[in-house]
C-alpha atoms as a PDB file:
ATOM      1  CA  MET A   1      40.771 -19.646   3.851  1.00  0.00           C
ATOM      2  CA  ASN A   2      38.083 -17.020   3.144  1.00  0.00           C
ATOM      3  CA  LEU A   3      39.761 -13.684   2.522  1.00  0.00           C
ATOM      4  CA  ILE A   4      36.598 -11.584   2.880  1.00  0.00           C
ATOM      5  CA  PRO A   5      36.718 -11.274   6.720  1.00  0.00           C
ATOM      6  CA  THR A   6      40.398 -10.359   6.503  1.00  0.00           C
ATOM      7  CA  LEU A   7      39.769  -7.698   3.861  1.00  0.00           C
ATOM      8  CA  ILE A   8      36.898  -6.172   5.820  1.00  0.00           C
ATOM      9  CA  MET A   9      38.986  -6.175   8.999  1.00  0.00           C
ATOM     10  CA  GLY A  10      41.782  -4.467   7.065  1.00  0.00           C
ATOM     11  CA  LEU A  11      39.416  -1.847   5.655  1.00  0.00           C
ATOM     12  CA  SER A  12      37.965  -1.190   9.105  1.00  0.00           C
ATOM     13  CA  LEU A  13      41.334  -0.813  10.828  1.00  0.00           C
ATOM     14  CA  GLY A  14      42.635   1.200   7.883  1.00  0.00           C
ATOM     15  CA  SER A  15      39.656   3.547   8.076  1.00  0.00           C
ATOM     16  CA  ALA A  16      40.288   4.305  11.755  1.00  0.00           C
ATOM     17  CA  TYR A  17      44.011   4.770  11.130  1.00  0.00           C
ATOM     18  CA  ALA A  18      43.186   7.051   8.206  1.00  0.00           C
ATOM     19  CA  LEU A  19      41.134   9.343  10.470  1.00  0.00           C
ATOM     20  CA  VAL A  20      44.052   9.727  12.883  1.00  0.00           C
ATOM     21  CA  ALA A  21      46.547  10.087  10.021  1.00  0.00           C
ATOM     22  CA  LEU A  22      44.332  12.765   8.493  1.00  0.00           C
ATOM     23  CA  GLY A  23      44.599  14.757  11.725  1.00  0.00           C
ATOM     24  CA  ILE A  24      48.381  14.333  11.734  1.00  0.00           C
ATOM     25  CA  VAL A  25      48.562  15.508   8.123  1.00  0.00           C
ATOM     26  CA  ILE A  26      46.390  18.603   8.535  1.00  0.00           C
ATOM     27  CA  LEU A  27      48.335  19.555  11.672  1.00  0.00           C
ATOM     28  CA  HIS A  28      51.575  19.281   9.758  1.00  0.00           C
ATOM     29  CA  LYS A  29      50.177  21.197   6.801  1.00  0.00           C
ATOM     30  CA  GLY A  30      48.545  23.917   8.880  1.00  0.00           C
ATOM     31  CA  SER A  31      51.152  24.478  11.592  1.00  0.00           C
ATOM     32  CA  GLY A  32      54.248  22.518  10.602  1.00  0.00           C
ATOM     33  CA  VAL A  33      54.153  20.492  13.840  1.00  0.00           C
ATOM     34  CA  LEU A  34      54.351  16.707  14.126  1.00  0.00           C
ATOM     35  CA  ASN A  35      52.155  16.099  17.166  1.00  0.00           C
ATOM     36  CA  LEU A  36      53.402  12.911  18.843  1.00  0.00           C
ATOM     37  CA  ALA A  37      50.722  13.265  21.545  1.00  0.00           C
ATOM     38  CA  HIS A  38      48.006  12.466  19.039  1.00  0.00           C
ATOM     39  CA  GLY A  39      47.533   8.913  20.329  1.00  0.00           C
ATOM     40  CA  SER A  40      46.770  10.038  23.872  1.00  0.00           C
ATOM     41  CA  ILE A  41      44.391  12.711  22.598  1.00  0.00           C
ATOM     42  CA  ALA A  42      42.492   9.941  20.791  1.00  0.00           C
ATOM     43  CA  VAL A  43      42.297   7.903  24.013  1.00  0.00           C
ATOM     44  CA  LEU A  44      41.211  10.998  25.951  1.00  0.00           C
ATOM     45  CA  GLY A  45      38.339  11.590  23.523  1.00  0.00           C
ATOM     46  CA  ALA A  46      37.237   7.966  23.767  1.00  0.00           C
ATOM     47  CA  TYR A  47      37.452   8.141  27.576  1.00  0.00           C
ATOM     48  CA  VAL A  48      35.235  11.237  27.766  1.00  0.00           C
ATOM     49  CA  ALA A  49      32.765   9.561  25.388  1.00  0.00           C
ATOM     50  CA  ALA A  50      32.703   6.475  27.631  1.00  0.00           C
ATOM     51  CA  VAL A  51      32.062   8.360  30.896  1.00  0.00           C
ATOM     52  CA  THR A  52      29.398  10.650  29.392  1.00  0.00           C
ATOM     53  CA  ALA A  53      27.565   8.084  27.233  1.00  0.00           C
ATOM     54  CA  GLY A  54      25.480   6.907  30.204  1.00  0.00           C
ATOM     55  CA  THR A  55      24.059  10.437  30.651  1.00  0.00           C
ATOM     56  CA  LEU A  56      24.126  11.832  27.124  1.00  0.00           C
ATOM     57  CA  GLY A  57      23.629   8.620  25.141  1.00  0.00           C
ATOM     58  CA  PHE A  58      26.113   7.218  22.663  1.00  0.00           C
ATOM     59  CA  PHE A  59      25.961  10.003  20.084  1.00  0.00           C
ATOM     60  CA  GLY A  60      25.980  12.667  22.788  1.00  0.00           C
ATOM     61  CA  GLY A  61      29.031  10.959  24.269  1.00  0.00           C
ATOM     62  CA  VAL A  62      30.726  10.910  20.864  1.00  0.00           C
ATOM     63  CA  LEU A  63      30.123  14.645  20.498  1.00  0.00           C
ATOM     64  CA  ALA A  64      31.395  15.285  24.041  1.00  0.00           C
ATOM     65  CA  GLY A  65      34.512  13.185  23.381  1.00  0.00           C
ATOM     66  CA  MET A  66      35.284  14.993  20.127  1.00  0.00           C
ATOM     67  CA  LEU A  67      34.765  18.402  21.763  1.00  0.00           C
ATOM     68  CA  ALA A  68      36.981  17.463  24.725  1.00  0.00           C
ATOM     69  CA  ALA A  69      39.767  16.171  22.481  1.00  0.00           C
ATOM     70  CA  GLY A  70      39.514  19.253  20.272  1.00  0.00           C
ATOM     71  CA  LEU A  71      39.675  21.520  23.328  1.00  0.00           C
ATOM     72  CA  VAL A  72      42.716  19.727  24.779  1.00  0.00           C
ATOM     73  CA  ALA A  73      44.469  19.919  21.404  1.00  0.00           C
ATOM     74  CA  LEU A  74      43.693  23.647  21.250  1.00  0.00           C
ATOM     75  CA  LEU A  75      45.050  24.206  24.781  1.00  0.00           C
ATOM     76  CA  VAL A  76      48.230  22.341  23.879  1.00  0.00           C
ATOM     77  CA  GLU A  77      48.709  24.613  20.872  1.00  0.00           C
ATOM     78  CA  ARG A  78      47.794  27.892  22.619  1.00  0.00           C
ATOM     79  CA  LEU A  79      49.560  27.350  25.957  1.00  0.00           C
ATOM     80  CA  LEU A  80      52.619  25.387  24.872  1.00  0.00           C
ATOM     81  CA  ILE A  81      53.337  25.166  21.154  1.00  0.00           C
ATOM     82  CA  GLN A  82      52.523  28.817  20.448  1.00  0.00           C
ATOM     83  CA  ARG A  83      54.997  29.993  23.099  1.00  0.00           C
ATOM     84  CA  ILE A  84      57.932  28.370  21.287  1.00  0.00           C
ATOM     85  CA  ARG A  85      56.503  28.796  17.787  1.00  0.00           C
ATOM     86  CA  ASN A  86      59.886  29.785  16.317  1.00  0.00           C
ATOM     87  CA  ALA A  87      61.832  26.971  17.942  1.00  0.00           C
ATOM     88  CA  PRO A  88      63.317  24.211  15.742  1.00  0.00           C
ATOM     89  CA  LEU A  89      60.758  21.628  14.644  1.00  0.00           C
ATOM     90  CA  ILE A  90      62.586  18.921  16.580  1.00  0.00           C
ATOM     91  CA  SER A  91      62.037  20.932  19.784  1.00  0.00           C
ATOM     92  CA  LEU A  92      58.314  21.158  19.072  1.00  0.00           C
ATOM     93  CA  ALA A  93      58.130  17.415  18.419  1.00  0.00           C
ATOM     94  CA  ILE A  94      59.996  16.642  21.658  1.00  0.00           C
ATOM     95  CA  MET A  95      57.578  18.856  23.596  1.00  0.00           C
ATOM     96  CA  THR A  96      54.655  16.827  22.235  1.00  0.00           C
ATOM     97  CA  ILE A  97      56.375  13.646  23.485  1.00  0.00           C
ATOM     98  CA  GLY A  98      56.287  15.145  26.984  1.00  0.00           C
ATOM     99  CA  ILE A  99      52.596  15.965  26.538  1.00  0.00           C
ATOM    100  CA  GLU A 100      51.998  12.364  25.404  1.00  0.00           C
ATOM    101  CA  VAL A 101      53.624  10.995  28.566  1.00  0.00           C
ATOM    102  CA  LEU A 102      51.591  13.293  30.842  1.00  0.00           C
ATOM    103  CA  LEU A 103      48.273  12.555  29.143  1.00  0.00           C
ATOM    104  CA  GLN A 104      48.889   8.824  28.957  1.00  0.00           C
ATOM    105  CA  THR A 105      49.865   8.671  32.628  1.00  0.00           C
ATOM    106  CA  ASP A 106      46.719  10.505  33.717  1.00  0.00           C
ATOM    107  CA  ILE A 107      44.415   8.461  31.472  1.00  0.00           C
ATOM    108  CA  THR A 108      45.964   5.205  32.683  1.00  0.00           C
ATOM    109  CA  ARG A 109      45.417   6.330  36.283  1.00  0.00           C
ATOM    110  CA  ARG A 110      41.765   7.111  35.582  1.00  0.00           C
ATOM    111  CA  ILE A 111      40.935   3.930  33.673  1.00  0.00           C
ATOM    112  CA  GLY A 112      43.120   1.594  35.711  1.00  0.00           C
ATOM    113  CA  THR A 113      42.378  -2.048  34.974  1.00  0.00           C
ATOM    114  CA  GLN A 114      38.822  -1.351  33.816  1.00  0.00           C
ATOM    115  CA  ILE A 115      37.539  -2.003  30.327  1.00  0.00           C
ATOM    116  CA  LEU A 116      35.147   0.849  29.584  1.00  0.00           C
ATOM    117  CA  GLN A 117      32.186   0.376  27.263  1.00  0.00           C
ATOM    118  CA  LEU A 118      30.906   3.195  25.079  1.00  0.00           C
ATOM    119  CA  GLY A 119      27.478   1.672  24.457  1.00  0.00           C
ATOM    120  CA  GLN A 120      27.452   1.685  20.655  1.00  0.00           C
ATOM    121  CA  PRO A 121      23.786   1.304  19.612  1.00  0.00           C
ATOM    122  CA  TRP A 122      24.682  -1.511  17.200  1.00  0.00           C
ATOM    123  CA  GLY A 123      26.551  -3.302  20.015  1.00  0.00           C
ATOM    124  CA  THR A 124      27.953  -6.635  18.878  1.00  0.00           C
ATOM    125  CA  ASP A 125      25.392  -7.069  16.076  1.00  0.00           C
ATOM    126  CA  SER A 126      26.695  -8.358  12.775  1.00  0.00           C
ATOM    127  CA  ALA A 127      25.711  -8.295   9.134  1.00  0.00           C
ATOM    128  CA  GLU A 128      26.153 -11.066   6.592  1.00  0.00           C
ATOM    129  CA  ILE A 129      28.146 -10.124   3.500  1.00  0.00           C
ATOM    130  CA  LEU A 130      28.763 -12.768   0.841  1.00  0.00           C
ATOM    131  CA  GLY A 131      28.086 -15.439   3.406  1.00  0.00           C
ATOM    132  CA  VAL A 132      30.509 -13.938   5.945  1.00  0.00           C
ATOM    133  CA  VAL A 133      29.415 -12.484   9.303  1.00  0.00           C
ATOM    134  CA  VAL A 134      30.883  -9.000   9.829  1.00  0.00           C
ATOM    135  CA  PRO A 135      30.448  -6.837  12.974  1.00  0.00           C
ATOM    136  CA  TRP A 136      28.408  -3.724  12.263  1.00  0.00           C
ATOM    137  CA  ASN A 137      31.048  -1.641  14.028  1.00  0.00           C
ATOM    138  CA  ARG A 138      33.530  -2.436  11.263  1.00  0.00           C
ATOM    139  CA  LEU A 139      31.065  -1.338   8.566  1.00  0.00           C
ATOM    140  CA  VAL A 140      30.194   1.868  10.436  1.00  0.00           C
ATOM    141  CA  THR A 141      33.902   2.668  10.830  1.00  0.00           C
ATOM    142  CA  ILE A 142      34.510   2.257   7.099  1.00  0.00           C
ATOM    143  CA  GLY A 143      31.502   4.409   6.206  1.00  0.00           C
ATOM    144  CA  ALA A 144      32.406   7.163   8.682  1.00  0.00           C
ATOM    145  CA  ALA A 145      35.999   7.340   7.462  1.00  0.00           C
ATOM    146  CA  VAL A 146      35.001   7.537   3.788  1.00  0.00           C
ATOM    147  CA  VAL A 147      32.511  10.343   4.469  1.00  0.00           C
ATOM    148  CA  VAL A 148      34.957  12.338   6.626  1.00  0.00           C
ATOM    149  CA  VAL A 149      37.850  12.009   4.188  1.00  0.00           C
ATOM    150  CA  LEU A 150      35.682  13.040   1.215  1.00  0.00           C
ATOM    151  CA  ILE A 151      34.470  16.084   3.168  1.00  0.00           C
ATOM    152  CA  PHE A 152      38.040  17.087   3.943  1.00  0.00           C
ATOM    153  CA  ILE A 153      39.242  16.605   0.384  1.00  0.00           C
ATOM    154  CA  ALA A 154      36.420  18.893  -0.770  1.00  0.00           C
ATOM    155  CA  ALA A 155      37.159  21.390   2.019  1.00  0.00           C
ATOM    156  CA  PHE A 156      40.845  21.563   1.122  1.00  0.00           C
ATOM    157  CA  ARG A 157      40.022  22.259  -2.504  1.00  0.00           C
ATOM    158  CA  PHE A 158      37.065  24.600  -2.275  1.00  0.00           C
ATOM    159  CA  SER A 159      36.704  26.206   1.192  1.00  0.00           C
ATOM    160  CA  SER A 160      38.469  29.374   2.323  1.00  0.00           C
ATOM    161  CA  TRP A 161      39.877  27.432   5.292  1.00  0.00           C
ATOM    162  CA  GLY A 162      41.370  24.792   3.021  1.00  0.00           C
ATOM    163  CA  ILE A 163      42.862  27.398   0.701  1.00  0.00           C
ATOM    164  CA  SER A 164      44.298  29.282   3.687  1.00  0.00           C
ATOM    165  CA  MET A 165      45.802  26.083   5.040  1.00  0.00           C
ATOM    166  CA  ARG A 166      47.389  25.209   1.725  1.00  0.00           C
ATOM    167  CA  ALA A 167      48.817  28.716   1.493  1.00  0.00           C
ATOM    168  CA  ALA A 168      50.207  28.460   5.027  1.00  0.00           C
ATOM    169  CA  ALA A 169      51.736  25.087   4.185  1.00  0.00           C
ATOM    170  CA  GLU A 170      53.467  26.568   1.140  1.00  0.00           C
ATOM    171  CA  ASP A 171      54.870  29.699   2.805  1.00  0.00           C
ATOM    172  CA  ARG A 172      53.664  30.974   6.184  1.00  0.00           C
ATOM    173  CA  GLU A 173      55.331  34.393   5.879  1.00  0.00           C
ATOM    174  CA  THR A 174      53.886  35.118   2.436  1.00  0.00           C
ATOM    175  CA  ALA A 175      50.451  33.854   3.528  1.00  0.00           C
ATOM    176  CA  GLU A 176      50.501  36.269   6.462  1.00  0.00           C
ATOM    177  CA  LEU A 177      51.583  39.138   4.234  1.00  0.00           C
ATOM    178  CA  VAL A 178      48.549  38.659   1.956  1.00  0.00           C
ATOM    179  CA  GLY A 179      46.159  38.831   4.904  1.00  0.00           C
ATOM    180  CA  ILE A 180      45.638  35.209   5.921  1.00  0.00           C
ATOM    181  CA  ARG A 181      45.076  34.943   9.670  1.00  0.00           C
ATOM    182  CA  LEU A 182      47.519  32.201  10.517  1.00  0.00           C
ATOM    183  CA  ASN A 183      46.494  32.055  14.177  1.00  0.00           C
ATOM    184  CA  ARG A 184      42.917  31.295  13.207  1.00  0.00           C
ATOM    185  CA  VAL A 185      44.004  28.670  10.673  1.00  0.00           C
ATOM    186  CA  THR A 186      46.308  27.028  13.227  1.00  0.00           C
ATOM    187  CA  MET A 187      43.665  26.982  15.973  1.00  0.00           C
ATOM    188  CA  THR A 188      41.062  25.472  13.662  1.00  0.00           C
ATOM    189  CA  THR A 189      43.555  22.883  12.512  1.00  0.00           C
ATOM    190  CA  TRP A 190      44.415  21.705  16.038  1.00  0.00           C
ATOM    191  CA  VAL A 191      40.769  21.510  17.116  1.00  0.00           C
ATOM    192  CA  THR A 192      39.849  19.541  13.993  1.00  0.00           C
ATOM    193  CA  ALA A 193      42.776  17.146  14.358  1.00  0.00           C
ATOM    194  CA  GLY A 194      41.878  16.470  17.988  1.00  0.00           C
ATOM    195  CA  ALA A 195      38.239  15.786  17.127  1.00  0.00           C
ATOM    196  CA  LEU A 196      39.243  13.375  14.346  1.00  0.00           C
ATOM    197  CA  ALA A 197      41.575  11.508  16.699  1.00  0.00           C
ATOM    198  CA  ALA A 198      38.732  11.123  19.208  1.00  0.00           C
ATOM    199  CA  LEU A 199      36.372   9.797  16.536  1.00  0.00           C
ATOM    200  CA  ALA A 200      38.942   7.201  15.480  1.00  0.00           C
ATOM    201  CA  GLY A 201      39.543   6.193  19.097  1.00  0.00           C
ATOM    202  CA  ILE A 202      35.813   5.707  19.633  1.00  0.00           C
ATOM    203  CA  MET A 203      35.526   3.546  16.522  1.00  0.00           C
ATOM    204  CA  LEU A 204      38.480   1.396  17.604  1.00  0.00           C
ATOM    205  CA  THR A 205      36.777   0.550  20.918  1.00  0.00           C
ATOM    206  CA  GLY A 206      33.729  -1.068  19.305  1.00  0.00           C
ATOM    207  CA  ALA A 207      33.169  -4.728  18.407  1.00  0.00           C
ATOM    208  CA  PRO A 208      35.065  -6.964  18.064  1.00  0.00           C
ATOM    209  CA  ALA A 209      37.339  -5.014  20.459  1.00  0.00           C
ATOM    210  CA  PRO A 210      36.382  -5.571  24.133  1.00  0.00           C
ATOM    211  CA  GLY A 211      36.186  -1.840  24.899  1.00  0.00           C
ATOM    212  CA  LEU A 212      38.408   1.055  25.938  1.00  0.00           C
ATOM    213  CA  THR A 213      41.724   0.439  27.720  1.00  0.00           C
ATOM    214  CA  PRO A 214      44.859   2.626  27.984  1.00  0.00           C
ATOM    215  CA  ALA A 215      46.514   0.295  25.448  1.00  0.00           C
ATOM    216  CA  LEU A 216      44.489   2.029  22.722  1.00  0.00           C
ATOM    217  CA  SER A 217      47.228   4.663  22.403  1.00  0.00           C
ATOM    218  CA  LEU A 218      49.644   1.944  21.247  1.00  0.00           C
ATOM    219  CA  VAL A 219      47.183   0.919  18.541  1.00  0.00           C
ATOM    220  CA  VAL A 220      46.745   4.526  17.422  1.00  0.00           C
ATOM    221  CA  LEU A 221      50.537   4.810  17.153  1.00  0.00           C
ATOM    222  CA  ARG A 222      50.285   2.875  13.891  1.00  0.00           C
ATOM    223  CA  ALA A 223      48.520   5.881  12.392  1.00  0.00           C
ATOM    224  CA  PHE A 224      51.880   7.694  12.408  1.00  0.00           C
ATOM    225  CA  ALA A 225      53.196   4.962  10.133  1.00  0.00           C
ATOM    226  CA  ALA A 226      50.152   5.512   7.907  1.00  0.00           C
ATOM    227  CA  ALA A 227      50.772   9.282   7.738  1.00  0.00           C
ATOM    228  CA  LEU A 228      54.438   8.788   6.853  1.00  0.00           C
ATOM    229  CA  ILE A 229      53.665   6.143   4.237  1.00  0.00           C
ATOM    230  CA  GLY A 230      51.116   8.390   2.531  1.00  0.00           C
ATOM    231  CA  GLY A 231      53.110  11.594   2.943  1.00  0.00           C
ATOM    232  CA  LEU A 232      52.783  14.268   5.621  1.00  0.00           C
ATOM    233  CA  ASP A 233      51.505  16.855   3.159  1.00  0.00           C
ATOM    234  CA  SER A 234      48.841  14.751   1.413  1.00  0.00           C
ATOM    235  CA  VAL A 235      45.228  14.331   2.547  1.00  0.00           C
ATOM    236  CA  ALA A 236      44.659  11.538   0.032  1.00  0.00           C
ATOM    237  CA  GLY A 237      47.924   9.999   1.226  1.00  0.00           C
ATOM    238  CA  ALA A 238      46.512   9.765   4.763  1.00  0.00           C
ATOM    239  CA  LEU A 239      43.631   7.651   3.437  1.00  0.00           C
ATOM    240  CA  VAL A 240      45.870   5.426   1.312  1.00  0.00           C
ATOM    241  CA  GLY A 241      48.459   5.083   4.078  1.00  0.00           C
ATOM    242  CA  GLY A 242      45.765   4.156   6.583  1.00  0.00           C
ATOM    243  CA  MET A 243      44.384   1.492   4.268  1.00  0.00           C
ATOM    244  CA  ILE A 244      47.849   0.061   3.611  1.00  0.00           C
ATOM    245  CA  VAL A 245      48.595  -0.190   7.333  1.00  0.00           C
ATOM    246  CA  GLY A 246      45.179  -1.695   8.081  1.00  0.00           C
ATOM    247  CA  MET A 247      45.480  -4.288   5.341  1.00  0.00           C
ATOM    248  CA  VAL A 248      49.028  -5.260   6.289  1.00  0.00           C
ATOM    249  CA  GLU A 249      48.026  -5.649   9.926  1.00  0.00           C
ATOM    250  CA  ALA A 250      44.936  -7.708   9.078  1.00  0.00           C
ATOM    251  CA  VAL A 251      46.746 -10.030   6.657  1.00  0.00           C
ATOM    252  CA  THR A 252      49.712 -10.654   8.961  1.00  0.00           C
ATOM    253  CA  ALA A 253      47.354 -11.311  11.904  1.00  0.00           C
ATOM    254  CA  THR A 254      45.261 -13.764   9.858  1.00  0.00           C
ATOM    255  CA  PHE A 255      48.216 -15.660   8.428  1.00  0.00           C
ATOM    256  CA  GLN A 256      50.440 -15.425  11.516  1.00  0.00           C
ATOM    257  CA  SER A 257      50.715 -19.211  11.748  1.00  0.00           C
ATOM    258  CA  ASN A 258      52.062 -19.376   8.184  1.00  0.00           C
ATOM    259  CA  LEU A 259      54.552 -16.599   8.913  1.00  0.00           C
ATOM    260  CA  SER A 260      55.817 -17.964  12.225  1.00  0.00           C
ATOM    261  CA  PHE A 261      59.365 -18.068  10.872  1.00  0.00           C
ATOM    262  CA  LEU A 262      59.308 -14.261  11.078  1.00  0.00           C
ATOM    263  CA  GLY A 263      58.527 -14.376  14.790  1.00  0.00           C
ATOM    264  CA  LEU A 264      55.460 -13.886  16.977  1.00  0.00           C
ATOM    265  CA  GLY A 265      53.594 -10.589  17.067  1.00  0.00           C
ATOM    266  CA  LEU A 266      54.387  -9.813  13.440  1.00  0.00           C
ATOM    267  CA  SER A 267      51.098  -7.924  12.999  1.00  0.00           C
ATOM    268  CA  ASP A 268      52.187  -5.443  15.685  1.00  0.00           C
ATOM    269  CA  VAL A 269      55.298  -4.374  13.791  1.00  0.00           C
ATOM    270  CA  ALA A 270      54.379  -5.110  10.157  1.00  0.00           C
ATOM    271  CA  ALA A 271      53.093  -1.551   9.582  1.00  0.00           C
ATOM    272  CA  PHE A 272      56.423  -0.081  10.660  1.00  0.00           C
ATOM    273  CA  MET A 273      58.334  -2.525   8.476  1.00  0.00           C
ATOM    274  CA  VAL A 274      56.303  -1.307   5.481  1.00  0.00           C
ATOM    275  CA  MET A 275      56.929   2.285   6.569  1.00  0.00           C
ATOM    276  CA  PHE A 276      60.693   1.719   6.594  1.00  0.00           C
ATOM    277  CA  LEU A 277      60.591   0.185   3.124  1.00  0.00           C
ATOM    278  CA  VAL A 278      58.502   3.032   1.687  1.00  0.00           C
ATOM    279  CA  LEU A 279      60.679   5.738   3.244  1.00  0.00           C
ATOM    280  CA  LEU A 280      63.836   4.089   1.928  1.00  0.00           C
ATOM    281  CA  VAL A 281      62.478   4.426  -1.603  1.00  0.00           C
ATOM    282  CA  ARG A 282      60.466   7.666  -1.196  1.00  0.00           C
ATOM    283  CA  PRO A 283      61.499   9.640   1.902  1.00  0.00           C
ATOM    284  CA  GLN A 284      58.594  12.038   1.341  1.00  0.00           C
ATOM    285  CA  GLY A 285      56.014   9.226   1.296  1.00  0.00           C
ATOM    286  CA  LEU A 286      53.948   7.835  -1.563  1.00  0.00           C
ATOM    287  CA  PHE A 287      52.005  11.055  -2.191  1.00  0.00           C
ATOM    288  CA  GLY A 288      54.271  13.581  -0.507  1.00  0.00           C
ATOM    289  CA  ARG A 289      55.991  16.294  -2.458  1.00  0.00           C
ATOM    290  CA  LYS A 290      59.747  16.412  -2.640  1.00  0.00           C
ATOM    291  CA  GLU A 291      61.124  19.682  -1.300  1.00  0.00           C
ATOM    292  CA  ALA A 292      63.123  21.751  -3.723  1.00  0.00           C
ATOM    293  CA  VAL A 293      66.409  22.865  -2.190  1.00  0.00           C
ATOM    294  CA  ARG A 294      68.390  25.755  -3.645  1.00  0.00           C
ATOM    295  CA  VAL A 295      72.105  25.024  -3.874  1.00  0.00           C
END
């Protein structure tokens, strides 16, 4: 069997997962919160893009979806998370589960049984690579993810925002004492993470997917496995984790018939099986840093 379509599918899925995982990582680095509502924020962004694309065009819809997701993420942080900022991290995570349920319920009500189209200009067109037909949407997803991740790696290393975020991740109290405006860093982080989630959601609704349905949030859930595999404090880890999850999902889906002894639907849970194995060996993830504990 030709492995090229499987590899390209894995790279495409991995690229979208990497965008969501990147948002999860920068949220964790910048504010210390694990936002479990990230999947619904991605679906919300894709939904806004779908309903505005007819008026604004595809790229205008993409911008509108990213802005809407960024705004919702900011409101979640300002109106809810900020009010219990000093609560235990588990309390913050549980609050985001409640937000996930509310957002998912409302989005499901709005979409219903429809399958919304975003009107990607490349539609279902394909390109031929090494004799294999590949949907353009997969290639665009890979290219977009590579560009975005490279921009963020550069931003973390060289921009004042990236330096401030790294300082906040190391020690929030000390960062505030030296004049870093943590509120501004946190707000920027939540807006950026929301926009990235929306972009990934939009990419996941293109060919060969039929379009946008509420089930997209379940697909995006695999990005949490990617973030944990790579390490919650590593930008590069988000990219690697996303690619690992995408490849595992693509390979298990392609060779499902040969792996039937492991049960049906293996591709849906394979990413989490890999996550468990990685965390058993390295609880901090492949690229995460081990916390030093004074005893």
